[in-house]
Amino acid sequence: MKLVKTISAFALVGIITVSCGQKKQVDSTKMTDSTAVVADTPVVVEKSNIVDVAAGNSDFSTLVTAVKAAGLVETLSGAGPFTVFAPNNAAFAKLPAGTVDGLLKPESLDKLKAVLTYHVVAGKFDAAAVIDAINKNNGKYTVTTVQGGTIVLSLKDGKVMLTDENGGTSTVVLADVAASNGVIHAIDTVVMPK
């Protein structure tokens, strides 16, 4: 029965594909105005990558500045997929005075890269997947970051919490910001590697 349903589904897709192709052919022979052909052609709009999405949101301006200074634009614009726990501007503002400026200096490039890549996990994990992993692992789920360190994910009052290797915590304040190469979850505090 399963096989029959699968074959039926493929047959239906094939019929739709063929009929769409035939309709396009008929429509394009009737039309002589090139603008009419363009209007009849479906437009595929691709989502922006993680860096473009972050750059398009003023609440991530400090993060975008840091990503550019660290030379990570190309990496985070790559195929991925990535899950980025992205500190918003308020998160960076919580750091001790001078920390951000110090990290942005050329001599702090390695430390800046380490801090930024500590917020990135390889793979695409939307909020539902994160919550499911936490629930299936007795309330805590440890992820390994691109930097190589770990972050423990947990739930508190229905919100996803991050605990870094130093015991610092952060809360996801906005989840599932889609990008073409992954997903962004905004967090309210910068987490730090050891």
N, C-alpha and C. Protein backbone atom coordinates (compact mmCIF):
# COMPACT_ATOMS: atom_id res chain seq x y z
N MET A 1 0.83 -1.19 0.00
CA MET A 1 0.00 0.00 0.00
C MET A 1 0.87 1.26 0.00
N LYS A 2 1.94 1.22 0.80
CA LYS A 2 2.86 2.35 0.87
C LYS A 2 3.49 2.62 -0.49
N LEU A 3 3.85 1.52 -1.18
CA LEU A 3 4.47 1.62 -2.50
C LEU A 3 3.51 2.26 -3.49
N VAL A 4 2.24 1.88 -3.42
CA VAL A 4 1.22 2.42 -4.32
C VAL A 4 1.07 3.92 -4.09
N LYS A 5 1.04 4.33 -2.81
CA LYS A 5 0.92 5.76 -2.49
C LYS A 5 2.13 6.53 -3.01
N THR A 6 3.32 5.97 -2.83
CA THR A 6 4.55 6.63 -3.29
C THR A 6 4.54 6.78 -4.81
N ILE A 7 4.17 5.71 -5.51
CA ILE A 7 4.11 5.77 -6.98
C ILE A 7 3.07 6.78 -7.42
N SER A 8 1.92 6.80 -6.73
CA SER A 8 0.86 7.76 -7.05
C SER A 8 1.34 9.19 -6.86
N ALA A 9 2.08 9.42 -5.78
CA ALA A 9 2.60 10.76 -5.51
C ALA A 9 3.56 11.20 -6.61
N PHE A 10 4.47 10.29 -7.02
CA PHE A 10 5.40 10.62 -8.09
C PHE A 10 4.67 10.87 -9.41
N ALA A 11 3.66 10.08 -9.66
CA ALA A 11 2.87 10.25 -10.90
C ALA A 11 2.18 11.61 -10.90
N LEU A 12 1.61 12.00 -9.76
CA LEU A 12 0.94 13.29 -9.66
C LEU A 12 1.93 14.43 -9.89
N VAL A 13 3.12 14.33 -9.25
CA VAL A 13 4.14 15.36 -9.45
C VAL A 13 4.53 15.43 -10.93
N GLY A 14 4.69 14.27 -11.56
CA GLY A 14 5.04 14.23 -12.98
C GLY A 14 3.98 14.87 -13.85
N ILE A 15 2.72 14.59 -13.57
CA ILE A 15 1.62 15.18 -14.35
C ILE A 15 1.60 16.70 -14.18
N ILE A 16 1.76 17.14 -12.94
CA ILE A 16 1.76 18.59 -12.69
C ILE A 16 2.94 19.24 -13.41
N THR A 17 4.11 18.62 -13.32
CA THR A 17 5.30 19.17 -13.97
C THR A 17 5.12 19.25 -15.48
N VAL A 18 4.62 18.17 -16.06
CA VAL A 18 4.41 18.14 -17.51
C VAL A 18 3.36 19.16 -17.91
N SER A 19 2.25 19.21 -17.17
CA SER A 19 1.19 20.14 -17.55
C SER A 19 1.64 21.58 -17.37
N CYS A 20 2.44 21.86 -16.33
CA CYS A 20 2.97 23.22 -16.15
C CYS A 20 3.89 23.58 -17.30
N GLY A 21 4.70 22.62 -17.71
CA GLY A 21 5.61 22.86 -18.82
C GLY A 21 4.85 23.12 -20.10
N GLN A 22 3.77 22.37 -20.34
CA GLN A 22 2.97 22.57 -21.55
C GLN A 22 2.28 23.92 -21.51
N LYS A 23 1.75 24.30 -20.35
CA LYS A 23 1.07 25.59 -20.24
C LYS A 23 2.04 26.72 -20.55
N LYS A 24 3.23 26.61 -20.02
CA LYS A 24 4.24 27.64 -20.25
C LYS A 24 4.55 27.75 -21.74
N GLN A 25 4.65 26.60 -22.40
CA GLN A 25 4.97 26.60 -23.81
C GLN A 25 3.84 27.25 -24.60
N VAL A 26 2.61 26.92 -24.28
CA VAL A 26 1.46 27.51 -24.98
C VAL A 26 1.40 29.00 -24.72
N ASP A 27 1.55 29.39 -23.44
CA ASP A 27 1.50 30.81 -23.11
C ASP A 27 2.61 31.59 -23.80
N SER A 28 3.81 31.03 -23.84
CA SER A 28 4.92 31.77 -24.41
C SER A 28 4.79 31.90 -25.92
N THR A 29 4.10 30.97 -26.59
CA THR A 29 3.93 31.12 -28.03
C THR A 29 2.85 32.16 -28.34
N LYS A 30 1.91 32.36 -27.43
CA LYS A 30 0.86 33.36 -27.63
C LYS A 30 1.38 34.77 -27.39
N MET A 31 2.40 34.88 -26.54
CA MET A 31 2.87 36.20 -26.15
C MET A 31 4.04 36.64 -27.03
N THR A 32 4.00 37.89 -27.42
CA THR A 32 5.11 38.44 -28.18
C THR A 32 5.83 39.51 -27.38
N ASP A 33 5.17 40.11 -26.42
CA ASP A 33 5.76 41.14 -25.59
C ASP A 33 6.62 40.47 -24.51
N SER A 34 7.90 40.81 -24.46
CA SER A 34 8.80 40.15 -23.52
C SER A 34 8.43 40.44 -22.07
N THR A 35 7.83 41.59 -21.80
CA THR A 35 7.44 41.88 -20.42
C THR A 35 6.31 40.96 -19.98
N ALA A 36 5.46 40.55 -20.88
CA ALA A 36 4.39 39.64 -20.53
C ALA A 36 4.96 38.26 -20.18
N VAL A 37 6.00 37.85 -20.89
CA VAL A 37 6.62 36.56 -20.60
C VAL A 37 7.26 36.61 -19.22
N VAL A 38 7.93 37.70 -18.89
CA VAL A 38 8.56 37.85 -17.58
C VAL A 38 7.51 37.81 -16.49
N ALA A 39 6.38 38.46 -16.71
CA ALA A 39 5.32 38.48 -15.71
C ALA A 39 4.75 37.09 -15.49
N ASP A 40 4.77 36.24 -16.53
CA ASP A 40 4.23 34.89 -16.43
C ASP A 40 5.23 33.92 -15.80
N THR A 41 6.51 34.32 -15.73
CA THR A 41 7.54 33.45 -15.19
C THR A 41 7.58 33.60 -13.68
N PRO A 42 7.53 32.47 -12.94
CA PRO A 42 7.59 32.58 -11.48
C PRO A 42 8.94 33.12 -11.03
N VAL A 43 8.91 33.97 -10.04
CA VAL A 43 10.13 34.56 -9.51
C VAL A 43 10.52 33.80 -8.25
N VAL A 44 11.76 33.35 -8.20
CA VAL A 44 12.26 32.65 -7.03
C VAL A 44 13.05 33.66 -6.21
N VAL A 45 12.58 33.92 -5.00
CA VAL A 45 13.26 34.86 -4.13
C VAL A 45 14.03 34.06 -3.08
N GLU A 46 15.35 34.23 -3.06
CA GLU A 46 16.16 33.51 -2.09
C GLU A 46 16.30 34.37 -0.84
N LYS A 47 16.27 33.70 0.31
CA LYS A 47 16.47 34.40 1.57
C LYS A 47 17.92 34.85 1.64
N SER A 48 18.15 35.87 2.38
CA SER A 48 19.51 36.37 2.60
C SER A 48 20.26 35.43 3.53
N ASN A 49 21.60 35.47 3.43
CA ASN A 49 22.40 34.63 4.33
C ASN A 49 22.45 35.26 5.72
N ILE A 50 23.08 34.57 6.66
CA ILE A 50 23.11 35.01 8.06
C ILE A 50 23.67 36.42 8.21
N VAL A 51 24.75 36.72 7.52
CA VAL A 51 25.37 38.05 7.64
C VAL A 51 24.43 39.11 7.09
N ASP A 52 23.80 38.85 5.94
CA ASP A 52 22.87 39.82 5.35
C ASP A 52 21.67 40.07 6.26
N VAL A 53 21.15 39.00 6.85
CA VAL A 53 20.00 39.14 7.75
C VAL A 53 20.39 39.98 8.96
N ALA A 54 21.54 39.68 9.56
CA ALA A 54 22.01 40.44 10.72
C ALA A 54 22.26 41.90 10.35
N ALA A 55 22.87 42.12 9.19
CA ALA A 55 23.16 43.49 8.75
C ALA A 55 21.89 44.27 8.48
N GLY A 56 20.82 43.58 8.13
CA GLY A 56 19.54 44.23 7.86
C GLY A 56 18.75 44.57 9.12
N ASN A 57 19.27 44.21 10.29
CA ASN A 57 18.59 44.49 11.54
C ASN A 57 19.50 45.36 12.41
N SER A 58 19.06 46.58 12.67
CA SER A 58 19.90 47.53 13.41
C SER A 58 20.24 47.05 14.81
N ASP A 59 19.47 46.11 15.36
CA ASP A 59 19.74 45.60 16.70
C ASP A 59 20.96 44.68 16.74
N PHE A 60 21.50 44.33 15.57
CA PHE A 60 22.70 43.49 15.50
C PHE A 60 23.90 44.28 14.96
N SER A 61 23.86 45.60 15.01
CA SER A 61 24.94 46.41 14.41
C SER A 61 26.30 46.15 15.07
N THR A 62 26.34 45.96 16.38
CA THR A 62 27.61 45.68 17.05
C THR A 62 28.15 44.32 16.60
N LEU A 63 27.27 43.34 16.51
CA LEU A 63 27.67 42.01 16.06
C LEU A 63 28.23 42.06 14.65
N VAL A 64 27.54 42.77 13.77
CA VAL A 64 27.99 42.87 12.37
C VAL A 64 29.35 43.55 12.30
N THR A 65 29.54 44.60 13.06
CA THR A 65 30.84 45.28 13.11
C THR A 65 31.94 44.30 13.57
N ALA A 66 31.62 43.51 14.57
CA ALA A 66 32.59 42.54 15.09
C ALA A 66 32.89 41.45 14.07
N VAL A 67 31.86 40.96 13.39
CA VAL A 67 32.04 39.92 12.37
C VAL A 67 32.95 40.44 11.25
N LYS A 68 32.72 41.68 10.83
CA LYS A 68 33.57 42.28 9.79
C LYS A 68 35.01 42.43 10.28
N ALA A 69 35.18 42.92 11.50
CA ALA A 69 36.52 43.13 12.06
C ALA A 69 37.28 41.81 12.19
N ALA A 70 36.55 40.73 12.46
CA ALA A 70 37.18 39.42 12.65
C ALA A 70 37.43 38.71 11.32
N GLY A 71 36.94 39.28 10.23
CA GLY A 71 37.12 38.65 8.92
C GLY A 71 36.27 37.40 8.76
N LEU A 72 35.12 37.36 9.41
CA LEU A 72 34.26 36.18 9.37
C LEU A 72 33.06 36.32 8.43
N VAL A 73 32.99 37.43 7.68
CA VAL A 73 31.84 37.64 6.78
C VAL A 73 31.73 36.52 5.77
N GLU A 74 32.84 36.18 5.13
CA GLU A 74 32.82 35.13 4.10
C GLU A 74 32.42 33.78 4.70
N THR A 75 32.95 33.47 5.86
CA THR A 75 32.64 32.19 6.52
C THR A 75 31.16 32.09 6.83
N LEU A 76 30.60 33.13 7.46
CA LEU A 76 29.19 33.09 7.86
C LEU A 76 28.24 33.36 6.69
N SER A 77 28.79 33.70 5.54
CA SER A 77 27.98 33.83 4.33
C SER A 77 28.03 32.55 3.51
N GLY A 78 28.86 31.60 3.94
CA GLY A 78 29.03 30.33 3.22
C GLY A 78 27.80 29.45 3.30
N ALA A 79 27.93 28.27 2.72
CA ALA A 79 26.79 27.36 2.60
C ALA A 79 26.22 26.91 3.93
N GLY A 80 27.08 26.75 4.93
CA GLY A 80 26.56 26.29 6.22
C GLY A 80 26.05 24.87 6.14
N PRO A 81 24.97 24.56 6.80
CA PRO A 81 24.14 25.49 7.58
C PRO A 81 24.75 25.76 8.96
N PHE A 82 24.36 26.91 9.51
CA PHE A 82 24.81 27.33 10.82
C PHE A 82 23.61 27.70 11.69
N THR A 83 23.78 27.53 12.98
CA THR A 83 22.85 28.09 13.96
C THR A 83 23.67 29.11 14.72
N VAL A 84 23.21 30.36 14.70
CA VAL A 84 23.94 31.43 15.37
C VAL A 84 23.12 31.94 16.55
N PHE A 85 23.72 31.87 17.73
CA PHE A 85 23.12 32.49 18.91
C PHE A 85 23.71 33.90 18.93
N ALA A 86 22.97 34.84 18.37
CA ALA A 86 23.49 36.17 18.06
C ALA A 86 23.21 37.17 19.18
N PRO A 87 24.26 37.67 19.82
CA PRO A 87 24.04 38.70 20.84
C PRO A 87 23.53 39.99 20.19
N ASN A 88 22.48 40.55 20.76
CA ASN A 88 21.99 41.83 20.24
C ASN A 88 22.85 42.96 20.82
N ASN A 89 22.56 44.18 20.41
CA ASN A 89 23.36 45.32 20.88
C ASN A 89 23.33 45.45 22.40
N ALA A 90 22.16 45.19 23.01
CA ALA A 90 22.04 45.29 24.47
C ALA A 90 22.94 44.26 25.15
N ALA A 91 23.13 43.09 24.52
CA ALA A 91 24.01 42.06 25.08
C ALA A 91 25.45 42.56 25.12
N PHE A 92 25.90 43.18 24.03
CA PHE A 92 27.26 43.72 23.99
C PHE A 92 27.41 44.87 24.98
N ALA A 93 26.35 45.65 25.18
CA ALA A 93 26.39 46.78 26.12
C ALA A 93 26.57 46.31 27.56
N LYS A 94 26.20 45.06 27.87
CA LYS A 94 26.34 44.52 29.23
C LYS A 94 27.80 44.20 29.58
N LEU A 95 28.65 44.06 28.56
CA LEU A 95 30.05 43.74 28.82
C LEU A 95 30.72 44.91 29.55
N PRO A 96 31.75 44.62 30.33
CA PRO A 96 32.45 45.70 31.02
C PRO A 96 32.92 46.77 30.03
N ALA A 97 32.94 48.00 30.49
CA ALA A 97 33.35 49.13 29.65
C ALA A 97 34.70 48.85 28.99
N GLY A 98 34.77 49.11 27.69
CA GLY A 98 36.00 48.95 26.94
C GLY A 98 36.21 47.56 26.35
N THR A 99 35.39 46.59 26.74
CA THR A 99 35.57 45.22 26.25
C THR A 99 35.40 45.13 24.75
N VAL A 100 34.31 45.70 24.23
CA VAL A 100 34.05 45.62 22.79
C VAL A 100 35.15 46.35 22.02
N ASP A 101 35.48 47.56 22.45
CA ASP A 101 36.55 48.31 21.78
C ASP A 101 37.86 47.53 21.80
N GLY A 102 38.16 46.89 22.93
CA GLY A 102 39.38 46.10 23.04
C GLY A 102 39.38 44.91 22.09
N LEU A 103 38.22 44.24 21.97
CA LEU A 103 38.12 43.09 21.07
C LEU A 103 38.25 43.49 19.60
N LEU A 104 37.85 44.71 19.28
CA LEU A 104 37.88 45.17 17.88
C LEU A 104 39.27 45.62 17.43
N LYS A 105 40.22 45.69 18.34
CA LYS A 105 41.58 46.09 17.97
C LYS A 105 42.26 44.96 17.21
N PRO A 106 43.10 45.31 16.22
CA PRO A 106 43.79 44.28 15.41
C PRO A 106 44.56 43.25 16.24
N GLU A 107 45.16 43.68 17.34
CA GLU A 107 45.93 42.74 18.15
C GLU A 107 45.05 41.74 18.92
N SER A 108 43.74 41.97 18.93
CA SER A 108 42.81 41.06 19.62
C SER A 108 42.03 40.19 18.64
N LEU A 109 42.50 40.12 17.40
CA LEU A 109 41.78 39.40 16.35
C LEU A 109 41.48 37.95 16.73
N ASP A 110 42.45 37.22 17.26
CA ASP A 110 42.22 35.82 17.62
C ASP A 110 41.17 35.67 18.71
N LYS A 111 41.23 36.55 19.70
CA LYS A 111 40.24 36.49 20.79
C LYS A 111 38.85 36.83 20.26
N LEU A 112 38.77 37.84 19.38
CA LEU A 112 37.48 38.23 18.79
C LEU A 112 36.89 37.06 18.00
N LYS A 113 37.71 36.42 17.19
CA LYS A 113 37.24 35.26 16.41
C LYS A 113 36.73 34.16 17.34
N ALA A 114 37.47 33.91 18.43
CA ALA A 114 37.07 32.87 19.37
C ALA A 114 35.72 33.19 20.01
N VAL A 115 35.54 34.44 20.41
CA VAL A 115 34.26 34.84 21.03
C VAL A 115 33.12 34.70 20.02
N LEU A 116 33.31 35.17 18.81
CA LEU A 116 32.24 35.11 17.80
C LEU A 116 31.91 33.69 17.39
N THR A 117 32.94 32.86 17.14
CA THR A 117 32.66 31.49 16.71
C THR A 117 32.13 30.63 17.85
N TYR A 118 32.28 31.10 19.08
CA TYR A 118 31.69 30.41 20.23
C TYR A 118 30.16 30.53 20.21
N HIS A 119 29.65 31.47 19.46
CA HIS A 119 28.20 31.68 19.33
C HIS A 119 27.60 30.93 18.14
N VAL A 120 28.41 30.16 17.44
CA VAL A 120 27.96 29.48 16.22
C VAL A 120 28.06 27.97 16.39
N VAL A 121 27.00 27.28 15.97
CA VAL A 121 26.95 25.82 16.00
C VAL A 121 26.75 25.34 14.56
N ALA A 122 27.50 24.33 14.16
CA ALA A 122 27.34 23.77 12.81
C ALA A 122 26.01 23.03 12.75
N GLY A 123 25.25 23.27 11.69
CA GLY A 123 23.94 22.65 11.52
C GLY A 123 22.84 23.67 11.76
N LYS A 124 21.66 23.34 11.29
CA LYS A 124 20.51 24.24 11.45
C LYS A 124 19.57 23.66 12.50
N PHE A 125 19.44 24.36 13.61
CA PHE A 125 18.59 23.92 14.71
C PHE A 125 17.58 25.01 15.05
N ASP A 126 16.35 24.80 14.58
CA ASP A 126 15.32 25.78 14.91
C ASP A 126 14.91 25.59 16.37
N ALA A 127 14.07 26.49 16.86
CA ALA A 127 13.69 26.47 18.28
C ALA A 127 13.04 25.15 18.67
N ALA A 128 12.20 24.61 17.80
CA ALA A 128 11.54 23.34 18.11
C ALA A 128 12.56 22.22 18.29
N ALA A 129 13.59 22.17 17.44
CA ALA A 129 14.63 21.14 17.54
C ALA A 129 15.45 21.32 18.82
N VAL A 130 15.74 22.57 19.17
CA VAL A 130 16.51 22.85 20.39
C VAL A 130 15.72 22.41 21.61
N ILE A 131 14.45 22.79 21.68
CA ILE A 131 13.61 22.43 22.82
C ILE A 131 13.44 20.92 22.91
N ASP A 132 13.27 20.28 21.77
CA ASP A 132 13.13 18.82 21.74
C ASP A 132 14.40 18.15 22.28
N ALA A 133 15.56 18.64 21.87
CA ALA A 133 16.83 18.07 22.34
C ALA A 133 16.99 18.27 23.85
N ILE A 134 16.61 19.43 24.35
CA ILE A 134 16.69 19.70 25.79
C ILE A 134 15.78 18.73 26.55
N ASN A 135 14.54 18.60 26.08
CA ASN A 135 13.58 17.73 26.75
C ASN A 135 13.99 16.26 26.72
N LYS A 136 14.60 15.82 25.63
CA LYS A 136 15.02 14.42 25.50
C LYS A 136 16.29 14.10 26.29
N ASN A 137 16.95 15.13 26.81
CA ASN A 137 18.20 14.94 27.54
C ASN A 137 18.12 15.45 28.98
N ASN A 138 16.99 15.14 29.60
CA ASN A 138 16.77 15.48 31.02
C ASN A 138 16.94 16.96 31.34
N GLY A 139 16.51 17.82 30.43
CA GLY A 139 16.48 19.25 30.71
C GLY A 139 17.74 20.02 30.36
N LYS A 140 18.76 19.34 29.87
CA LYS A 140 20.00 20.03 29.48
C LYS A 140 20.56 19.35 28.24
N TYR A 141 21.00 20.18 27.29
CA TYR A 141 21.59 19.64 26.08
C TYR A 141 22.86 20.42 25.77
N THR A 142 23.98 19.72 25.64
CA THR A 142 25.27 20.37 25.39
C THR A 142 25.57 20.36 23.90
N VAL A 143 25.91 21.54 23.38
CA VAL A 143 26.30 21.66 21.98
C VAL A 143 27.76 22.08 21.90
N THR A 144 28.43 21.60 20.86
CA THR A 144 29.81 22.01 20.61
C THR A 144 29.77 23.12 19.58
N THR A 145 30.46 24.20 19.88
CA THR A 145 30.46 25.36 18.99
C THR A 145 31.54 25.23 17.93
N VAL A 146 31.47 26.09 16.93
CA VAL A 146 32.49 26.13 15.88
C VAL A 146 33.86 26.46 16.49
N GLN A 147 33.88 27.23 17.55
CA GLN A 147 35.12 27.58 18.25
C GLN A 147 35.75 26.36 18.90
N GLY A 148 34.94 25.34 19.21
CA GLY A 148 35.44 24.13 19.83
C GLY A 148 35.00 23.94 21.26
N GLY A 149 34.50 24.99 21.87
CA GLY A 149 34.00 24.91 23.24
C GLY A 149 32.57 24.38 23.26
N THR A 150 32.00 24.33 24.45
CA THR A 150 30.63 23.84 24.59
C THR A 150 29.74 24.87 25.27
N ILE A 151 28.47 24.75 24.97
CA ILE A 151 27.43 25.56 25.61
C ILE A 151 26.34 24.59 26.03
N VAL A 152 25.83 24.77 27.25
CA VAL A 152 24.73 23.93 27.74
C VAL A 152 23.43 24.70 27.52
N LEU A 153 22.50 24.05 26.82
CA LEU A 153 21.18 24.63 26.56
C LEU A 153 20.19 24.04 27.56
N SER A 154 19.32 24.88 28.08
CA SER A 154 18.30 24.42 29.03
C SER A 154 17.07 25.30 28.88
N LEU A 155 16.03 25.00 29.63
CA LEU A 155 14.81 25.80 29.61
C LEU A 155 14.56 26.41 30.98
N LYS A 156 14.12 27.66 30.99
CA LYS A 156 13.73 28.32 32.23
C LYS A 156 12.52 29.19 31.92
N ASP A 157 11.43 28.90 32.58
CA ASP A 157 10.18 29.63 32.33
C ASP A 157 9.79 29.61 30.86
N GLY A 158 10.03 28.48 30.21
CA GLY A 158 9.66 28.32 28.80
C GLY A 158 10.61 28.95 27.81
N LYS A 159 11.70 29.54 28.29
CA LYS A 159 12.67 30.18 27.39
C LYS A 159 13.96 29.37 27.36
N VAL A 160 14.61 29.36 26.18
CA VAL A 160 15.88 28.65 26.05
C VAL A 160 16.98 29.50 26.68
N MET A 161 17.75 28.82 27.54
CA MET A 161 18.87 29.47 28.23
C MET A 161 20.17 28.84 27.74
N LEU A 162 21.21 29.65 27.67
CA LEU A 162 22.55 29.17 27.32
C LEU A 162 23.43 29.36 28.55
N THR A 163 24.23 28.37 28.87
CA THR A 163 25.21 28.50 29.95
C THR A 163 26.58 28.23 29.34
N ASP A 164 27.47 29.23 29.44
CA ASP A 164 28.79 29.09 28.83
C ASP A 164 29.73 28.31 29.75
N GLU A 165 30.95 28.12 29.32
CA GLU A 165 31.93 27.32 30.06
C GLU A 165 32.39 27.99 31.35
N ASN A 166 32.06 29.27 31.51
CA ASN A 166 32.43 30.00 32.71
C ASN A 166 31.28 30.13 33.70
N GLY A 167 30.12 29.55 33.33
CA GLY A 167 28.94 29.64 34.19
C GLY A 167 28.05 30.83 33.87
N GLY A 168 28.45 31.65 32.89
CA GLY A 168 27.62 32.79 32.48
C GLY A 168 26.38 32.30 31.73
N THR A 169 25.29 33.04 31.86
CA THR A 169 24.05 32.61 31.20
C THR A 169 23.51 33.70 30.27
N SER A 170 22.71 33.24 29.34
CA SER A 170 22.06 34.12 28.37
C SER A 170 20.71 33.52 28.02
N THR A 171 19.78 34.38 27.62
CA THR A 171 18.43 33.93 27.26
C THR A 171 18.16 34.23 25.79
N VAL A 172 17.54 33.28 25.11
CA VAL A 172 17.10 33.53 23.73
C VAL A 172 15.89 34.46 23.81
N VAL A 173 16.01 35.64 23.19
CA VAL A 173 14.92 36.63 23.23
C VAL A 173 14.14 36.70 21.92
N LEU A 174 14.71 36.12 20.86
CA LEU A 174 14.04 36.06 19.56
C LEU A 174 14.57 34.83 18.85
N ALA A 175 13.66 33.91 18.51
CA ALA A 175 14.08 32.65 17.91
C ALA A 175 13.67 32.57 16.44
N ASP A 176 14.36 31.68 15.74
CA ASP A 176 13.99 31.30 14.38
C ASP A 176 13.98 32.43 13.36
N VAL A 177 15.01 33.24 13.36
CA VAL A 177 15.17 34.23 12.30
C VAL A 177 15.84 33.48 11.14
N ALA A 178 15.06 33.25 10.09
CA ALA A 178 15.52 32.39 9.00
C ALA A 178 16.54 33.08 8.10
N ALA A 179 17.48 32.30 7.63
CA ALA A 179 18.47 32.76 6.65
C ALA A 179 18.68 31.63 5.66
N SER A 180 19.25 31.94 4.50
CA SER A 180 19.44 30.92 3.47
C SER A 180 20.41 29.84 3.89
N ASN A 181 21.31 30.17 4.81
CA ASN A 181 22.33 29.20 5.23
C ASN A 181 22.24 28.85 6.71
N GLY A 182 21.05 28.98 7.27
CA GLY A 182 20.89 28.58 8.67
C GLY A 182 19.81 29.37 9.37
N VAL A 183 20.00 29.53 10.67
CA VAL A 183 19.00 30.21 11.50
C VAL A 183 19.71 31.01 12.58
N ILE A 184 19.08 32.12 12.96
CA ILE A 184 19.62 32.99 14.00
C ILE A 184 18.65 32.98 15.18
N HIS A 185 19.20 32.87 16.40
CA HIS A 185 18.45 33.05 17.63
C HIS A 185 19.11 34.21 18.37
N ALA A 186 18.40 35.30 18.56
CA ALA A 186 18.98 36.46 19.27
C ALA A 186 19.05 36.17 20.76
N ILE A 187 20.17 36.54 21.37
CA ILE A 187 20.35 36.33 22.81
C ILE A 187 20.66 37.66 23.49
N ASP A 188 20.36 37.71 24.82
CA ASP A 188 20.46 38.98 25.54
C ASP A 188 21.77 39.19 26.27
N THR A 189 22.69 38.23 26.22
CA THR A 189 23.98 38.36 26.90
C THR A 189 25.04 37.64 26.06
N VAL A 190 26.21 38.21 25.96
CA VAL A 190 27.31 37.58 25.24
C VAL A 190 27.82 36.41 26.10
N VAL A 191 27.92 35.23 25.48
CA VAL A 191 28.51 34.08 26.20
C VAL A 191 29.99 34.01 25.85
N MET A 192 30.78 33.54 26.78
CA MET A 192 32.23 33.57 26.60
C MET A 192 32.86 32.18 26.74
N PRO A 193 33.80 31.87 25.84
CA PRO A 193 34.54 30.61 25.97
C PRO A 193 35.54 30.71 27.11
N LYS A 194 36.11 29.58 27.51
CA LYS A 194 37.16 29.59 28.55
C LYS A 194 38.39 30.26 28.04
